[in-house]
Amino acid sequence: RGLTSGHEKERVISPRMFQLSCVVSARSNKQRLLLPDGETLNVLLAAKEVARRNLAEVVMLEGQVGAVEREASARGLDLHKITVIHPPSSPLLHSFAQAYMQLPASLEAGTTLEQA
């Protein structure tokens, strides 16, 4: 709803109920979650939790080939439900660059396909 007048009572929900509503919404409208910096612990933990709860299809980007798997293995984390992509060596690189070129910031900056 929009703004409420001073006479209407606002609906207040607990943090737990807010979290539950987010989970229900995510499961009913499954999306793809793209996470950069896949080698960092916080990103690994977040990706694992999202995948475990089946909230989204998780895709992680890595800077060096095998870096995400090495870090996850060192931490004892299972990534079997997570897709890991190293953009420079991916067959999807050209598609990634073309999609990047369509972003407003890329268009404003005059980014070339080679730069993307």
PDB file of N, CA and C in Angstrom:
ATOM      1  N   ARG A   1       0.830  -1.182   0.000  1.00  0.00           N
ATOM      2  CA  ARG A   1       0.000   0.000   0.000  1.00  0.00           C
ATOM      3  C   ARG A   1       0.865   1.232   0.000  1.00  0.00           C
ATOM      4  N   GLY A   2       0.242   2.358  -0.290  1.00  0.00           N
ATOM      5  CA  GLY A   2       0.963   3.621  -0.316  1.00  0.00           C
ATOM      6  C   GLY A   2       1.144   4.168   1.088  1.00  0.00           C
ATOM      7  N   LEU A   3       1.362   5.457   1.166  1.00  0.00           N
ATOM      8  CA  LEU A   3       1.536   6.103   2.456  1.00  0.00           C
ATOM      9  C   LEU A   3       0.238   6.050   3.248  1.00  0.00           C
ATOM     10  N   THR A   4       0.372   5.972   4.557  1.00  0.00           N
ATOM     11  CA  THR A   4      -0.824   5.928   5.397  1.00  0.00           C
ATOM     12  C   THR A   4      -1.039   7.285   6.032  1.00  0.00           C
ATOM     13  N   SER A   5      -2.292   7.590   6.308  1.00  0.00           N
ATOM     14  CA  SER A   5      -2.588   8.840   7.003  1.00  0.00           C
ATOM     15  C   SER A   5      -2.301   8.636   8.484  1.00  0.00           C
ATOM     16  N   GLY A   6      -2.293   9.684   9.249  1.00  0.00           N
ATOM     17  CA  GLY A   6      -2.007   9.605  10.668  1.00  0.00           C
ATOM     18  C   GLY A   6      -3.028   8.799  11.438  1.00  0.00           C
ATOM     19  N   HIS A   7      -4.182   8.524  10.842  1.00  0.00           N
ATOM     20  CA  HIS A   7      -5.254   7.824  11.539  1.00  0.00           C
ATOM     21  C   HIS A   7      -5.216   6.313  11.323  1.00  0.00           C
ATOM     22  N   GLU A   8      -4.448   5.879  10.344  1.00  0.00           N
ATOM     23  CA  GLU A   8      -4.377   4.450  10.068  1.00  0.00           C
ATOM     24  C   GLU A   8      -3.244   3.828  10.863  1.00  0.00           C
ATOM     25  N   LYS A   9      -3.445   2.611  11.286  1.00  0.00           N
ATOM     26  CA  LYS A   9      -2.440   1.892  12.047  1.00  0.00           C
ATOM     27  C   LYS A   9      -1.509   1.164  11.066  1.00  0.00           C
ATOM     28  N   GLU A  10      -0.203   1.315  11.257  1.00  0.00           N
ATOM     29  CA  GLU A  10       0.748   0.621  10.393  1.00  0.00           C
ATOM     30  C   GLU A  10       0.824  -0.844  10.784  1.00  0.00           C
ATOM     31  N   ARG A  11       1.028  -1.682   9.792  1.00  0.00           N
ATOM     32  CA  ARG A  11       1.181  -3.116  10.038  1.00  0.00           C
ATOM     33  C   ARG A  11       2.647  -3.378  10.374  1.00  0.00           C
ATOM     34  N   VAL A  12       2.881  -3.956  11.526  1.00  0.00           N
ATOM     35  CA  VAL A  12       4.235  -4.256  11.974  1.00  0.00           C
ATOM     36  C   VAL A  12       4.399  -5.771  12.037  1.00  0.00           C
ATOM     37  N   ILE A  13       5.502  -6.260  11.456  1.00  0.00           N
ATOM     38  CA  ILE A  13       5.770  -7.696  11.537  1.00  0.00           C
ATOM     39  C   ILE A  13       7.147  -7.903  12.157  1.00  0.00           C
ATOM     40  N   SER A  14       7.330  -9.047  12.748  1.00  0.00           N
ATOM     41  CA  SER A  14       8.597  -9.363  13.396  1.00  0.00           C
ATOM     42  C   SER A  14       9.660  -9.653  12.324  1.00  0.00           C
ATOM     43  N   PRO A  15      10.930  -9.562  12.705  1.00  0.00           N
ATOM     44  CA  PRO A  15      11.995  -9.909  11.749  1.00  0.00           C
ATOM     45  C   PRO A  15      11.858 -11.346  11.229  1.00  0.00           C
ATOM     46  N   ARG A  16      11.452 -12.250  12.084  1.00  0.00           N
ATOM     47  CA  ARG A  16      11.283 -13.650  11.679  1.00  0.00           C
ATOM     48  C   ARG A  16      10.167 -13.794  10.633  1.00  0.00           C
ATOM     49  N   MET A  17       9.065 -13.089  10.833  1.00  0.00           N
ATOM     50  CA  MET A  17       7.963 -13.138   9.867  1.00  0.00           C
ATOM     51  C   MET A  17       8.372 -12.487   8.548  1.00  0.00           C
ATOM     52  N   PHE A  18       9.175 -11.420   8.616  1.00  0.00           N
ATOM     53  CA  PHE A  18       9.677 -10.779   7.404  1.00  0.00           C
ATOM     54  C   PHE A  18      10.549 -11.764   6.628  1.00  0.00           C
ATOM     55  N   GLN A  19      11.434 -12.460   7.351  1.00  0.00           N
ATOM     56  CA  GLN A  19      12.303 -13.445   6.719  1.00  0.00           C
ATOM     57  C   GLN A  19      11.472 -14.554   6.068  1.00  0.00           C
ATOM     58  N   LEU A  20      10.483 -15.030   6.776  1.00  0.00           N
ATOM     59  CA  LEU A  20       9.620 -16.075   6.232  1.00  0.00           C
ATOM     60  C   LEU A  20       8.899 -15.599   4.976  1.00  0.00           C
ATOM     61  N   SER A  21       8.394 -14.378   4.980  1.00  0.00           N
ATOM     62  CA  SER A  21       7.704 -13.867   3.790  1.00  0.00           C
ATOM     63  C   SER A  21       8.664 -13.743   2.610  1.00  0.00           C
ATOM     64  N   CYS A  22       9.911 -13.390   2.872  1.00  0.00           N
ATOM     65  CA  CYS A  22      10.916 -13.315   1.801  1.00  0.00           C
ATOM     66  C   CYS A  22      11.200 -14.700   1.232  1.00  0.00           C
ATOM     67  N   VAL A  23      11.312 -15.702   2.097  1.00  0.00           N
ATOM     68  CA  VAL A  23      11.566 -17.078   1.663  1.00  0.00           C
ATOM     69  C   VAL A  23      10.405 -17.593   0.813  1.00  0.00           C
ATOM     70  N   VAL A  24       9.194 -17.392   1.278  1.00  0.00           N
ATOM     71  CA  VAL A  24       8.016 -17.834   0.532  1.00  0.00           C
ATOM     72  C   VAL A  24       7.964 -17.156  -0.834  1.00  0.00           C
ATOM     73  N   SER A  25       8.230 -15.865  -0.863  1.00  0.00           N
ATOM     74  CA  SER A  25       8.217 -15.116  -2.123  1.00  0.00           C
ATOM     75  C   SER A  25       9.296 -15.630  -3.074  1.00  0.00           C
ATOM     76  N   ALA A  26      10.493 -15.866  -2.562  1.00  0.00           N
ATOM     77  CA  ALA A  26      11.600 -16.345  -3.397  1.00  0.00           C
ATOM     78  C   ALA A  26      11.293 -17.718  -3.985  1.00  0.00           C
ATOM     79  N   ARG A  27      10.735 -18.591  -3.183  1.00  0.00           N
ATOM     80  CA  ARG A  27      10.427 -19.942  -3.666  1.00  0.00           C
ATOM     81  C   ARG A  27       9.312 -19.944  -4.704  1.00  0.00           C
ATOM     82  N   SER A  28       8.373 -19.012  -4.579  1.00  0.00           N
ATOM     83  CA  SER A  28       7.260 -18.990  -5.522  1.00  0.00           C
ATOM     84  C   SER A  28       7.614 -18.273  -6.824  1.00  0.00           C
ATOM     85  N   ASN A  29       8.705 -17.529  -6.822  1.00  0.00           N
ATOM     86  CA  ASN A  29       9.125 -16.785  -8.013  1.00  0.00           C
ATOM     87  C   ASN A  29      10.625 -16.969  -8.197  1.00  0.00           C
ATOM     88  N   LYS A  30      11.026 -18.219  -8.474  1.00  0.00           N
ATOM     89  CA  LYS A  30      12.445 -18.575  -8.519  1.00  0.00           C
ATOM     90  C   LYS A  30      13.196 -17.743  -9.561  1.00  0.00           C
ATOM     91  N   GLN A  31      14.309 -17.184  -9.130  1.00  0.00           N
ATOM     92  CA  GLN A  31      15.151 -16.363  -9.983  1.00  0.00           C
ATOM     93  C   GLN A  31      16.572 -16.915  -9.975  1.00  0.00           C
ATOM     94  N   ARG A  32      17.422 -16.318 -10.788  1.00  0.00           N
ATOM     95  CA  ARG A  32      18.849 -16.649 -10.806  1.00  0.00           C
ATOM     96  C   ARG A  32      19.576 -15.570 -10.021  1.00  0.00           C
ATOM     97  N   LEU A  33      20.442 -15.977  -9.111  1.00  0.00           N
ATOM     98  CA  LEU A  33      21.224 -15.055  -8.297  1.00  0.00           C
ATOM     99  C   LEU A  33      22.672 -15.131  -8.757  1.00  0.00           C
ATOM    100  N   LEU A  34      23.194 -14.022  -9.257  1.00  0.00           N
ATOM    101  CA  LEU A  34      24.565 -13.959  -9.747  1.00  0.00           C
ATOM    102  C   LEU A  34      25.417 -13.270  -8.697  1.00  0.00           C
ATOM    103  N   LEU A  35      26.419 -13.975  -8.193  1.00  0.00           N
ATOM    104  CA  LEU A  35      27.282 -13.453  -7.131  1.00  0.00           C
ATOM    105  C   LEU A  35      28.719 -13.303  -7.632  1.00  0.00           C
ATOM    106  N   PRO A  36      29.233 -12.070  -7.674  1.00  0.00           N
ATOM    107  CA  PRO A  36      30.642 -11.881  -8.013  1.00  0.00           C
ATOM    108  C   PRO A  36      31.499 -12.193  -6.782  1.00  0.00           C
ATOM    109  N   ASP A  37      32.797 -12.166  -6.933  1.00  0.00           N
ATOM    110  CA  ASP A  37      33.729 -12.392  -5.814  1.00  0.00           C
ATOM    111  C   ASP A  37      33.434 -13.703  -5.104  1.00  0.00           C
ATOM    112  N   GLY A  38      33.231 -14.757  -5.868  1.00  0.00           N
ATOM    113  CA  GLY A  38      32.876 -16.053  -5.304  1.00  0.00           C
ATOM    114  C   GLY A  38      33.910 -16.657  -4.384  1.00  0.00           C
ATOM    115  N   GLU A  39      35.134 -16.137  -4.411  1.00  0.00           N
ATOM    116  CA  GLU A  39      36.193 -16.702  -3.577  1.00  0.00           C
ATOM    117  C   GLU A  39      36.115 -16.230  -2.127  1.00  0.00           C
ATOM    118  N   THR A  40      35.318 -15.203  -1.838  1.00  0.00           N
ATOM    119  CA  THR A  40      35.278 -14.657  -0.484  1.00  0.00           C
ATOM    120  C   THR A  40      34.352 -15.490   0.401  1.00  0.00           C
ATOM    121  N   LEU A  41      34.702 -15.602   1.671  1.00  0.00           N
ATOM    122  CA  LEU A  41      33.968 -16.457   2.595  1.00  0.00           C
ATOM    123  C   LEU A  41      32.505 -16.046   2.723  1.00  0.00           C
ATOM    124  N   ASN A  42      32.232 -14.758   2.882  1.00  0.00           N
ATOM    125  CA  ASN A  42      30.842 -14.321   3.040  1.00  0.00           C
ATOM    126  C   ASN A  42      29.994 -14.677   1.828  1.00  0.00           C
ATOM    127  N   VAL A  43      30.553 -14.531   0.646  1.00  0.00           N
ATOM    128  CA  VAL A  43      29.817 -14.863  -0.580  1.00  0.00           C
ATOM    129  C   VAL A  43      29.603 -16.375  -0.664  1.00  0.00           C
ATOM    130  N   LEU A  44      30.625 -17.146  -0.318  1.00  0.00           N
ATOM    131  CA  LEU A  44      30.480 -18.605  -0.320  1.00  0.00           C
ATOM    132  C   LEU A  44      29.383 -19.058   0.642  1.00  0.00           C
ATOM    133  N   LEU A  45      29.384 -18.496   1.840  1.00  0.00           N
ATOM    134  CA  LEU A  45      28.377 -18.880   2.834  1.00  0.00           C
ATOM    135  C   LEU A  45      26.972 -18.478   2.393  1.00  0.00           C
ATOM    136  N   ALA A  46      26.846 -17.288   1.826  1.00  0.00           N
ATOM    137  CA  ALA A  46      25.539 -16.830   1.338  1.00  0.00           C
ATOM    138  C   ALA A  46      25.050 -17.727   0.206  1.00  0.00           C
ATOM    139  N   ALA A  47      25.928 -18.044  -0.727  1.00  0.00           N
ATOM    140  CA  ALA A  47      25.559 -18.894  -1.860  1.00  0.00           C
ATOM    141  C   ALA A  47      25.111 -20.270  -1.380  1.00  0.00           C
ATOM    142  N   LYS A  48      25.857 -20.842  -0.444  1.00  0.00           N
ATOM    143  CA  LYS A  48      25.509 -22.150   0.096  1.00  0.00           C
ATOM    144  C   LYS A  48      24.125 -22.121   0.752  1.00  0.00           C
ATOM    145  N   GLU A  49      23.836 -21.075   1.519  1.00  0.00           N
ATOM    146  CA  GLU A  49      22.552 -20.974   2.213  1.00  0.00           C
ATOM    147  C   GLU A  49      21.390 -20.794   1.230  1.00  0.00           C
ATOM    148  N   VAL A  50      21.577 -19.950   0.228  1.00  0.00           N
ATOM    149  CA  VAL A  50      20.521 -19.741  -0.772  1.00  0.00           C
ATOM    150  C   VAL A  50      20.242 -21.045  -1.521  1.00  0.00           C
ATOM    151  N   ALA A  51      21.306 -21.750  -1.899  1.00  0.00           N
ATOM    152  CA  ALA A  51      21.134 -23.020  -2.611  1.00  0.00           C
ATOM    153  C   ALA A  51      20.507 -24.076  -1.701  1.00  0.00           C
ATOM    154  N   ARG A  52      20.950 -24.147  -0.457  1.00  0.00           N
ATOM    155  CA  ARG A  52      20.415 -25.139   0.490  1.00  0.00           C
ATOM    156  C   ARG A  52      18.917 -24.945   0.703  1.00  0.00           C
ATOM    157  N   ARG A  53      18.502 -23.682   0.777  1.00  0.00           N
ATOM    158  CA  ARG A  53      17.090 -23.383   1.013  1.00  0.00           C
ATOM    159  C   ARG A  53      16.271 -23.373  -0.279  1.00  0.00           C
ATOM    160  N   ASN A  54      16.951 -23.617  -1.406  1.00  0.00           N
ATOM    161  CA  ASN A  54      16.284 -23.665  -2.711  1.00  0.00           C
ATOM    162  C   ASN A  54      15.540 -22.357  -3.015  1.00  0.00           C
ATOM    163  N   LEU A  55      16.204 -21.233  -2.742  1.00  0.00           N
ATOM    164  CA  LEU A  55      15.588 -19.918  -2.938  1.00  0.00           C
ATOM    165  C   LEU A  55      15.835 -19.351  -4.327  1.00  0.00           C
ATOM    166  N   ALA A  56      16.926 -19.772  -4.956  1.00  0.00           N
ATOM    167  CA  ALA A  56      17.278 -19.258  -6.285  1.00  0.00           C
ATOM    168  C   ALA A  56      18.299 -20.193  -6.916  1.00  0.00           C
ATOM    169  N   GLU A  57      18.450 -20.066  -8.213  1.00  0.00           N
ATOM    170  CA  GLU A  57      19.543 -20.745  -8.914  1.00  0.00           C
ATOM    171  C   GLU A  57      20.772 -19.873  -8.695  1.00  0.00           C
ATOM    172  N   VAL A  58      21.794 -20.418  -8.064  1.00  0.00           N
ATOM    173  CA  VAL A  58      22.974 -19.626  -7.698  1.00  0.00           C
ATOM    174  C   VAL A  58      24.082 -19.809  -8.732  1.00  0.00           C
ATOM    175  N   VAL A  59      24.598 -18.671  -9.219  1.00  0.00           N
ATOM    176  CA  VAL A  59      25.728 -18.650 -10.138  1.00  0.00           C
ATOM    177  C   VAL A  59      26.793 -17.759  -9.505  1.00  0.00           C
ATOM    178  N   MET A  60      27.995 -18.295  -9.366  1.00  0.00           N
ATOM    179  CA  MET A  60      29.097 -17.537  -8.773  1.00  0.00           C
ATOM    180  C   MET A  60      30.166 -17.280  -9.827  1.00  0.00           C
ATOM    181  N   LEU A  61      30.726 -16.074  -9.785  1.00  0.00           N
ATOM    182  CA  LEU A  61      31.824 -15.724 -10.688  1.00  0.00           C
ATOM    183  C   LEU A  61      33.135 -15.811  -9.916  1.00  0.00           C
ATOM    184  N   GLU A  62      34.154 -16.312 -10.596  1.00  0.00           N
ATOM    185  CA  GLU A  62      35.466 -16.416  -9.964  1.00  0.00           C
ATOM    186  C   GLU A  62      36.513 -15.698 -10.808  1.00  0.00           C
ATOM    187  N   GLY A  63      37.515 -15.160 -10.116  1.00  0.00           N
ATOM    188  CA  GLY A  63      38.579 -14.424 -10.788  1.00  0.00           C
ATOM    189  C   GLY A  63      39.627 -15.330 -11.404  1.00  0.00           C
ATOM    190  N   GLN A  64      39.915 -16.456 -10.755  1.00  0.00           N
ATOM    191  CA  GLN A  64      40.895 -17.414 -11.261  1.00  0.00           C
ATOM    192  C   GLN A  64      40.246 -18.782 -11.345  1.00  0.00           C
ATOM    193  N   VAL A  65      40.582 -19.527 -12.387  1.00  0.00           N
ATOM    194  CA  VAL A  65      40.004 -20.854 -12.582  1.00  0.00           C
ATOM    195  C   VAL A  65      40.262 -21.718 -11.348  1.00  0.00           C
ATOM    196  N   GLY A  66      39.196 -22.292 -10.798  1.00  0.00           N
ATOM    197  CA  GLY A  66      39.310 -23.197  -9.663  1.00  0.00           C
ATOM    198  C   GLY A  66      39.367 -22.533  -8.301  1.00  0.00           C
ATOM    199  N   ALA A  67      39.389 -21.197  -8.253  1.00  0.00           N
ATOM    200  CA  ALA A  67      39.536 -20.489  -6.981  1.00  0.00           C
ATOM    201  C   ALA A  67      38.360 -20.729  -6.040  1.00  0.00           C
ATOM    202  N   VAL A  68      37.150 -20.722  -6.574  1.00  0.00           N
ATOM    203  CA  VAL A  68      35.966 -20.927  -5.736  1.00  0.00           C
ATOM    204  C   VAL A  68      35.969 -22.337  -5.164  1.00  0.00           C
ATOM    205  N   GLU A  69      36.242 -23.320  -6.010  1.00  0.00           N
ATOM    206  CA  GLU A  69      36.265 -24.699  -5.536  1.00  0.00           C
ATOM    207  C   GLU A  69      37.347 -24.920  -4.490  1.00  0.00           C
ATOM    208  N   ARG A  70      38.521 -24.322  -4.682  1.00  0.00           N
ATOM    209  CA  ARG A  70      39.600 -24.468  -3.698  1.00  0.00           C
ATOM    210  C   ARG A  70      39.197 -23.868  -2.346  1.00  0.00           C
ATOM    211  N   GLU A  71      38.628 -22.663  -2.383  1.00  0.00           N
ATOM    212  CA  GLU A  71      38.225 -21.997  -1.144  1.00  0.00           C
ATOM    213  C   GLU A  71      37.103 -22.771  -0.457  1.00  0.00           C
ATOM    214  N   ALA A  72      36.138 -23.233  -1.224  1.00  0.00           N
ATOM    215  CA  ALA A  72      35.029 -23.999  -0.643  1.00  0.00           C
ATOM    216  C   ALA A  72      35.539 -25.300  -0.028  1.00  0.00           C
ATOM    217  N   SER A  73      36.434 -25.971  -0.725  1.00  0.00           N
ATOM    218  CA  SER A  73      37.000 -27.220  -0.224  1.00  0.00           C
ATOM    219  C   SER A  73      37.784 -26.987   1.069  1.00  0.00           C
ATOM    220  N   ALA A  74      38.550 -25.907   1.114  1.00  0.00           N
ATOM    221  CA  ALA A  74      39.323 -25.582   2.312  1.00  0.00           C
ATOM    222  C   ALA A  74      38.408 -25.309   3.508  1.00  0.00           C
ATOM    223  N   ARG A  75      37.201 -24.829   3.237  1.00  0.00           N
ATOM    224  CA  ARG A  75      36.225 -24.515   4.302  1.00  0.00           C
ATOM    225  C   ARG A  75      35.234 -25.649   4.547  1.00  0.00           C
ATOM    226  N   GLY A  76      35.353 -26.738   3.772  1.00  0.00           N
ATOM    227  CA  GLY A  76      34.443 -27.860   3.941  1.00  0.00           C
ATOM    228  C   GLY A  76      33.036 -27.579   3.427  1.00  0.00           C
ATOM    229  N   LEU A  77      32.919 -26.692   2.440  1.00  0.00           N
ATOM    230  CA  LEU A  77      31.610 -26.320   1.902  1.00  0.00           C
ATOM    231  C   LEU A  77      31.307 -27.099   0.626  1.00  0.00           C
ATOM    232  N   ASP A  78      30.097 -27.608   0.520  1.00  0.00           N
ATOM    233  CA  ASP A  78      29.641 -28.359  -0.640  1.00  0.00           C
ATOM    234  C   ASP A  78      28.953 -27.410  -1.615  1.00  0.00           C
ATOM    235  N   LEU A  79      29.424 -27.353  -2.858  1.00  0.00           N
ATOM    236  CA  LEU A  79      28.863 -26.448  -3.855  1.00  0.00           C
ATOM    237  C   LEU A  79      28.129 -27.185  -4.975  1.00  0.00           C
ATOM    238  N   HIS A  80      27.647 -28.406  -4.716  1.00  0.00           N
ATOM    239  CA  HIS A  80      27.081 -29.199  -5.809  1.00  0.00           C
ATOM    240  C   HIS A  80      25.830 -28.584  -6.434  1.00  0.00           C
ATOM    241  N   LYS A  81      25.125 -27.696  -5.756  1.00  0.00           N
ATOM    242  CA  LYS A  81      23.933 -27.056  -6.334  1.00  0.00           C
ATOM    243  C   LYS A  81      24.248 -25.686  -6.937  1.00  0.00           C
ATOM    244  N   ILE A  82      25.528 -25.328  -6.990  1.00  0.00           N
ATOM    245  CA  ILE A  82      25.926 -23.978  -7.399  1.00  0.00           C
ATOM    246  C   ILE A  82      26.748 -24.050  -8.686  1.00  0.00           C
ATOM    247  N   THR A  83      26.430 -23.174  -9.630  1.00  0.00           N
ATOM    248  CA  THR A  83      27.204 -23.068 -10.867  1.00  0.00           C
ATOM    249  C   THR A  83      28.316 -22.042 -10.657  1.00  0.00           C
ATOM    250  N   VAL A  84      29.540 -22.427 -11.016  1.00  0.00           N
ATOM    251  CA  VAL A  84      30.689 -21.520 -10.895  1.00  0.00           C
ATOM    252  C   VAL A  84      31.209 -21.234 -12.293  1.00  0.00           C
ATOM    253  N   ILE A  85      31.384 -19.948 -12.582  1.00  0.00           N
ATOM    254  CA  ILE A  85      31.840 -19.534 -13.918  1.00  0.00           C
ATOM    255  C   ILE A  85      33.071 -18.649 -13.784  1.00  0.00           C
ATOM    256  N   HIS A  86      34.072 -18.940 -14.592  1.00  0.00           N
ATOM    257  CA  HIS A  86      35.246 -18.082 -14.742  1.00  0.00           C
ATOM    258  C   HIS A  86      35.033 -17.341 -16.062  1.00  0.00           C
ATOM    259  N   PRO A  87      34.539 -16.090 -16.007  1.00  0.00           N
ATOM    260  CA  PRO A  87      34.125 -15.389 -17.233  1.00  0.00           C
ATOM    261  C   PRO A  87      35.140 -15.382 -18.379  1.00  0.00           C
ATOM    262  N   PRO A  88      36.443 -15.084 -18.139  1.00  0.00           N
ATOM    263  CA  PRO A  88      37.360 -15.031 -19.287  1.00  0.00           C
ATOM    264  C   PRO A  88      37.506 -16.338 -20.049  1.00  0.00           C
ATOM    265  N   SER A  89      37.308 -17.479 -19.387  1.00  0.00           N
ATOM    266  CA  SER A  89      37.459 -18.755 -20.086  1.00  0.00           C
ATOM    267  C   SER A  89      36.120 -19.402 -20.431  1.00  0.00           C
ATOM    268  N   SER A  90      35.029 -18.710 -20.157  1.00  0.00           N
ATOM    269  CA  SER A  90      33.699 -19.263 -20.415  1.00  0.00           C
ATOM    270  C   SER A  90      33.303 -19.111 -21.881  1.00  0.00           C
ATOM    271  N   PRO A  91      32.628 -20.128 -22.432  1.00  0.00           N
ATOM    272  CA  PRO A  91      32.098 -19.987 -23.789  1.00  0.00           C
ATOM    273  C   PRO A  91      30.999 -18.925 -23.857  1.00  0.00           C
ATOM    274  N   LEU A  92      30.529 -18.485 -22.700  1.00  0.00           N
ATOM    275  CA  LEU A  92      29.492 -17.456 -22.642  1.00  0.00           C
ATOM    276  C   LEU A  92      30.067 -16.037 -22.607  1.00  0.00           C
ATOM    277  N   LEU A  93      31.385 -15.899 -22.686  1.00  0.00           N
ATOM    278  CA  LEU A  93      32.028 -14.591 -22.559  1.00  0.00           C
ATOM    279  C   LEU A  93      31.430 -13.549 -23.507  1.00  0.00           C
ATOM    280  N   HIS A  94      31.248 -13.901 -24.754  1.00  0.00           N
ATOM    281  CA  HIS A  94      30.707 -12.945 -25.722  1.00  0.00           C
ATOM    282  C   HIS A  94      29.289 -12.521 -25.323  1.00  0.00           C
ATOM    283  N   SER A  95      28.483 -13.468 -24.867  1.00  0.00           N
ATOM    284  CA  SER A  95      27.121 -13.144 -24.408  1.00  0.00           C
ATOM    285  C   SER A  95      27.163 -12.225 -23.191  1.00  0.00           C
ATOM    286  N   PHE A  96      28.111 -12.504 -22.269  1.00  0.00           N
ATOM    287  CA  PHE A  96      28.262 -11.648 -21.085  1.00  0.00           C
ATOM    288  C   PHE A  96      28.599 -10.219 -21.515  1.00  0.00           C
ATOM    289  N   ALA A  97      29.535 -10.093 -22.440  1.00  0.00           N
ATOM    290  CA  ALA A  97      29.975  -8.773 -22.894  1.00  0.00           C
ATOM    291  C   ALA A  97      28.830  -8.020 -23.573  1.00  0.00           C
ATOM    292  N   GLN A  98      28.064  -8.730 -24.383  1.00  0.00           N
ATOM    293  CA  GLN A  98      26.934  -8.076 -25.050  1.00  0.00           C
ATOM    294  C   GLN A  98      25.884  -7.613 -24.045  1.00  0.00           C
ATOM    295  N   ALA A  99      25.609  -8.420 -23.035  1.00  0.00           N
ATOM    296  CA  ALA A  99      24.640  -8.031 -22.000  1.00  0.00           C
ATOM    297  C   ALA A  99      25.164  -6.830 -21.219  1.00  0.00           C
ATOM    298  N   TYR A 100      26.459  -6.834 -20.925  1.00  0.00           N
ATOM    299  CA  TYR A 100      27.063  -5.718 -20.197  1.00  0.00           C
ATOM    300  C   TYR A 100      26.956  -4.424 -20.999  1.00  0.00           C
ATOM    301  N   MET A 101      27.101  -4.547 -22.294  1.00  0.00           N
ATOM    302  CA  MET A 101      27.037  -3.375 -23.173  1.00  0.00           C
ATOM    303  C   MET A 101      25.653  -2.717 -23.142  1.00  0.00           C
ATOM    304  N   GLN A 102      24.636  -3.444 -22.751  1.00  0.00           N
ATOM    305  CA  GLN A 102      23.272  -2.904 -22.708  1.00  0.00           C
ATOM    306  C   GLN A 102      22.953  -2.166 -21.410  1.00  0.00           C
ATOM    307  N   LEU A 103      23.828  -2.280 -20.422  1.00  0.00           N
ATOM    308  CA  LEU A 103      23.591  -1.595 -19.145  1.00  0.00           C
ATOM    309  C   LEU A 103      23.726  -0.089 -19.321  1.00  0.00           C
ATOM    310  N   PRO A 104      22.869   0.685 -18.670  1.00  0.00           N
ATOM    311  CA  PRO A 104      22.919   2.143 -18.810  1.00  0.00           C
ATOM    312  C   PRO A 104      24.294   2.744 -18.529  1.00  0.00           C
ATOM    313  N   ALA A 105      24.959   2.278 -17.484  1.00  0.00           N
ATOM    314  CA  ALA A 105      26.283   2.828 -17.142  1.00  0.00           C
ATOM    315  C   ALA A 105      27.292   2.555 -18.254  1.00  0.00           C
ATOM    316  N   SER A 106      27.191   1.387 -18.873  1.00  0.00           N
ATOM    317  CA  SER A 106      28.085   1.033 -19.972  1.00  0.00           C
ATOM    318  C   SER A 106      27.811   1.908 -21.186  1.00  0.00           C
ATOM    319  N   LEU A 107      26.538   2.134 -21.467  1.00  0.00           N
ATOM    320  CA  LEU A 107      26.162   2.978 -22.600  1.00  0.00           C
ATOM    321  C   LEU A 107      26.631   4.415 -22.392  1.00  0.00           C
ATOM    322  N   GLU A 108      26.441   4.929 -21.182  1.00  0.00           N
ATOM    323  CA  GLU A 108      26.853   6.306 -20.872  1.00  0.00           C
ATOM    324  C   GLU A 108      28.359   6.477 -20.959  1.00  0.00           C
ATOM    325  N   ALA A 109      29.101   5.457 -20.542  1.00  0.00           N
ATOM    326  CA  ALA A 109      30.565   5.546 -20.528  1.00  0.00           C
ATOM    327  C   ALA A 109      31.174   5.307 -21.905  1.00  0.00           C
ATOM    328  N   GLY A 110      30.351   4.836 -22.847  1.00  0.00           N
ATOM    329  CA  GLY A 110      30.879   4.558 -24.179  1.00  0.00           C
ATOM    330  C   GLY A 110      31.786   3.330 -24.213  1.00  0.00           C
ATOM    331  N   THR A 111      31.493   2.351 -23.373  1.00  0.00           N
ATOM    332  CA  THR A 111      32.291   1.142 -23.297  1.00  0.00           C
ATOM    333  C   THR A 111      32.243   0.380 -24.611  1.00  0.00           C
ATOM    334  N   THR A 112      33.403  -0.076 -25.064  1.00  0.00           N
ATOM    335  CA  THR A 112      33.468  -0.873 -26.299  1.00  0.00           C
ATOM    336  C   THR A 112      33.259  -2.343 -25.958  1.00  0.00           C
ATOM    337  N   LEU A 113      32.978  -3.164 -26.960  1.00  0.00           N
ATOM    338  CA  LEU A 113      32.789  -4.590 -26.755  1.00  0.00           C
ATOM    339  C   LEU A 113      34.068  -5.233 -26.203  1.00  0.00           C
ATOM    340  N   GLU A 114      35.218  -4.784 -26.679  1.00  0.00           N
ATOM    341  CA  GLU A 114      36.487  -5.327 -26.203  1.00  0.00           C
ATOM    342  C   GLU A 114      36.688  -5.004 -24.726  1.00  0.00           C
ATOM    343  N   GLN A 115      36.303  -3.799 -24.290  1.00  0.00           N
ATOM    344  CA  GLN A 115      36.435  -3.431 -22.883  1.00  0.00           C
ATOM    345  C   GLN A 115      35.470  -4.222 -22.014  1.00  0.00           C
ATOM    346  N   ALA A 116      34.278  -4.459 -22.539  1.00  0.00           N
ATOM    347  CA  ALA A 116      33.268  -5.192 -21.768  1.00  0.00           C
ATOM    348  C   ALA A 116      33.755  -6.607 -21.500  1.00  0.00           C
TER     349      ALA A 116
END
